[in-house]
Amino acid sequence: MAALLTVVVLSVVGGIMFSSTKTENSVRTVSQATSAGQLVTNSIESGIRNSAVSVNTTIPFQLTTPSGSDQMVVALVVGNAAVASGRCVAWYYSASQKTISYTSSSSAIAAPTASALASWTRLSGGVTPLSGSTTIFSLRGTQGLTLAFREDVGSNNSAIVFQSSISSRTGLTGSFACY
């Protein structure tokens, strides 16, 4: 009788531990996807909000489609030091790799080759456009950018949606060209 009771107790405890481990993994996966999506959104929002008009242009950033469904946004981003200084910053969405990568430079940034893109900082993987769209970036007037994407959550075909409308608000004109 004691052996049967021990088997029942161990089965219940084992089931609880298995369920707990499965739930923990699910929560961890959702948390990682949420963090990655927030990192992308915060990086782009901050950069576009603080973008200045690049030399020889009338817009604070440039959106291009370098290859297929890939997209690239380049901006002249002004820092918040006592004396305003700018830096060229770019975000690249690779449709085939489902990644968003970032780089910055003191000079103009051109669309990268595949090998050059590998040296950029990868902000997130598992990024796809929202249903019914092939892009994650779109222009909103001459000063605004709309960001809309899904961040995949593990292998269970679920995703977290991120959407934002961002406008440049510096009103500054830069002293060099970023695009």
Protein backbone atom coordinates (compact mmCIF):
# COMPACT_ATOMS: atom_id res chain seq x y z
CA MET A 1 0.00 0.00 0.00
CA ALA A 2 2.86 2.41 0.86
CA ALA A 3 4.49 1.67 -2.51
CA LEU A 4 1.27 2.52 -4.35
CA LEU A 5 0.89 5.76 -2.39
CA THR A 6 4.52 6.67 -3.16
CA VAL A 7 3.96 6.05 -6.89
CA VAL A 8 0.84 8.26 -6.87
CA VAL A 9 2.60 11.08 -5.00
CA LEU A 10 5.65 10.93 -7.29
CA SER A 11 3.39 10.95 -10.38
CA VAL A 12 1.56 14.05 -9.17
CA VAL A 13 4.78 15.85 -8.21
CA GLY A 14 6.41 14.88 -11.53
CA GLY A 15 3.38 16.16 -13.47
CA ILE A 16 3.48 19.47 -11.61
CA MET A 17 7.22 19.85 -12.24
CA PHE A 18 6.81 19.03 -15.95
CA SER A 19 3.97 21.54 -16.29
CA SER A 20 5.94 24.17 -14.39
CA THR A 21 9.01 23.71 -16.61
CA LYS A 22 6.91 23.94 -19.77
CA THR A 23 5.23 27.13 -18.53
CA GLU A 24 8.59 28.64 -17.54
CA ASN A 25 9.98 27.99 -21.04
CA SER A 26 6.92 29.58 -22.62
CA VAL A 27 7.17 32.68 -20.43
CA ARG A 28 10.90 32.97 -21.15
CA THR A 29 10.32 32.78 -24.92
CA VAL A 30 7.60 35.45 -24.83
CA SER A 31 9.78 37.65 -22.63
CA GLN A 32 12.76 37.35 -25.01
CA ALA A 33 10.59 38.20 -28.04
CA THR A 34 9.07 41.17 -26.21
CA SER A 35 12.50 42.47 -25.21
CA ALA A 36 13.85 42.12 -28.76
CA GLY A 37 10.84 43.93 -30.27
CA GLN A 38 11.09 46.72 -27.69
CA LEU A 39 14.82 47.11 -28.41
CA VAL A 40 14.11 47.55 -32.13
CA THR A 41 11.22 49.94 -31.53
CA ASN A 42 13.12 52.06 -28.99
CA SER A 43 16.23 52.29 -31.19
CA ILE A 44 14.29 53.43 -34.25
CA GLU A 45 11.96 55.77 -32.34
CA SER A 46 14.89 57.50 -30.62
CA GLY A 47 16.87 57.83 -33.85
CA ILE A 48 14.04 59.18 -35.99
CA ARG A 49 12.80 61.57 -33.26
CA ASN A 50 16.30 63.03 -32.99
CA SER A 51 17.04 63.13 -36.72
CA ALA A 52 18.12 66.31 -38.47
CA VAL A 53 17.84 67.20 -42.14
CA SER A 54 20.93 65.89 -43.92
CA VAL A 55 22.89 68.23 -46.22
CA ASN A 56 21.42 68.65 -49.72
CA THR A 57 18.05 67.15 -48.72
CA THR A 58 14.78 68.36 -47.27
CA ILE A 59 13.98 65.27 -45.19
CA PRO A 60 15.46 64.05 -41.88
CA PHE A 61 15.87 60.42 -42.97
CA GLN A 62 15.84 58.28 -46.08
CA LEU A 63 13.89 55.05 -46.61
CA THR A 64 15.09 52.76 -49.41
CA THR A 65 14.48 49.24 -50.68
CA PRO A 66 18.02 48.03 -51.52
CA SER A 67 17.11 44.50 -52.58
CA GLY A 68 13.85 42.55 -52.95
CA SER A 69 11.74 43.20 -49.83
CA ASP A 70 14.70 44.40 -47.76
CA GLN A 71 14.40 47.93 -46.36
CA MET A 72 16.90 50.43 -45.02
CA VAL A 73 16.38 53.66 -43.08
CA VAL A 74 19.29 56.10 -42.77
CA ALA A 75 19.17 59.20 -40.58
CA LEU A 76 21.42 61.98 -39.37
CA VAL A 77 20.86 61.66 -35.62
CA VAL A 78 21.70 64.57 -33.35
CA GLY A 79 23.12 63.81 -29.92
CA ASN A 80 22.05 65.52 -26.70
CA ALA A 81 25.44 66.94 -25.70
CA ALA A 82 25.90 70.64 -24.84
CA VAL A 83 26.97 71.23 -28.45
CA ALA A 84 24.76 69.45 -30.98
CA SER A 85 26.70 66.85 -32.91
CA GLY A 86 25.42 64.43 -35.49
CA ARG A 87 26.08 60.87 -36.47
CA CYS A 88 24.81 58.83 -39.42
CA VAL A 89 22.67 55.92 -38.22
CA ALA A 90 21.01 53.15 -40.23
CA TRP A 91 18.60 50.27 -39.62
CA TYR A 92 18.37 47.42 -42.11
CA TYR A 93 15.48 44.95 -42.37
CA SER A 94 16.50 41.73 -44.13
CA ALA A 95 13.34 39.97 -45.33
CA SER A 96 15.16 36.71 -46.09
CA GLN A 97 16.92 36.55 -42.71
CA LYS A 98 13.97 38.09 -40.80
CA THR A 99 16.39 40.38 -38.94
CA ILE A 100 16.74 44.05 -38.13
CA SER A 101 20.31 45.29 -37.83
CA TYR A 102 21.82 48.64 -36.86
CA THR A 103 24.98 50.61 -37.54
CA SER A 104 26.30 54.12 -37.09
CA SER A 105 29.10 56.06 -38.76
CA SER A 106 30.63 59.51 -38.95
CA SER A 107 30.09 59.43 -42.74
CA ALA A 108 27.36 58.45 -45.22
CA ILE A 109 25.97 54.91 -45.00
CA ALA A 110 25.24 52.97 -48.18
CA ALA A 111 23.24 49.78 -48.54
CA PRO A 112 25.44 46.94 -47.25
CA THR A 113 26.49 43.80 -49.03
CA ALA A 114 25.61 40.53 -47.29
CA SER A 115 29.11 40.28 -45.81
CA ALA A 116 29.07 43.93 -44.67
CA LEU A 117 25.63 43.44 -43.07
CA ALA A 118 27.14 40.65 -40.96
CA SER A 119 29.27 43.28 -39.19
CA TRP A 120 26.23 45.40 -38.24
CA THR A 121 24.69 44.98 -34.78
CA ARG A 122 21.77 42.60 -34.99
CA LEU A 123 18.91 44.00 -32.91
CA SER A 124 16.45 41.17 -33.49
CA GLY A 125 15.70 37.99 -35.42
CA GLY A 126 12.28 36.55 -36.18
CA VAL A 127 10.94 39.86 -37.56
CA THR A 128 8.23 39.78 -40.22
CA PRO A 129 5.83 42.37 -41.66
CA LEU A 130 2.26 42.44 -40.40
CA SER A 131 -0.21 40.25 -42.29
CA GLY A 132 -1.10 41.70 -45.67
CA SER A 133 2.11 43.75 -45.92
CA THR A 134 5.58 43.16 -47.33
CA THR A 135 7.23 46.07 -45.51
CA ILE A 136 7.91 47.02 -41.92
CA PHE A 137 8.80 50.67 -42.60
CA SER A 138 6.62 53.19 -44.43
CA LEU A 139 6.79 56.95 -44.88
CA ARG A 140 4.32 59.19 -43.08
CA GLY A 141 4.56 62.55 -44.80
CA THR A 142 8.04 64.10 -45.11
CA GLN A 143 8.93 64.05 -41.41
CA GLY A 144 7.39 60.78 -40.22
CA LEU A 145 7.99 57.05 -40.32
CA THR A 146 5.62 54.23 -39.46
CA LEU A 147 7.07 51.04 -38.03
CA ALA A 148 4.93 47.89 -37.98
CA PHE A 149 6.21 44.33 -37.51
CA ARG A 150 5.68 40.99 -35.83
CA GLU A 151 8.29 39.47 -33.54
CA ASP A 152 8.05 35.67 -33.69
CA VAL A 153 7.62 33.85 -30.38
CA GLY A 154 9.45 30.53 -30.49
CA SER A 155 8.30 27.79 -32.79
CA ASN A 156 4.59 27.81 -31.95
CA ASN A 157 3.65 30.22 -34.80
CA SER A 158 2.60 33.02 -32.47
CA ALA A 159 3.96 36.56 -32.56
CA ILE A 160 3.93 39.86 -30.72
CA VAL A 161 2.91 42.89 -32.77
CA PHE A 162 4.83 46.18 -32.57
CA GLN A 163 3.54 49.38 -34.21
CA SER A 164 4.70 52.96 -33.91
CA SER A 165 4.40 56.27 -35.76
CA ILE A 166 7.48 58.44 -35.31
CA SER A 167 8.20 62.02 -36.37
CA SER A 168 11.43 63.95 -36.47
CA ARG A 169 11.24 66.78 -33.97
CA THR A 170 14.68 68.38 -33.92
CA GLY A 171 14.08 71.05 -36.56
CA LEU A 172 17.84 71.07 -37.15
CA THR A 173 19.82 70.89 -40.36
CA GLY A 174 22.98 68.82 -40.26
CA SER A 175 26.38 69.89 -41.49
CA PHE A 176 27.14 66.72 -43.47
CA ALA A 177 25.39 64.14 -45.65
CA CYS A 178 24.32 60.71 -44.37
CA TYR A 179 22.56 59.53 -47.53
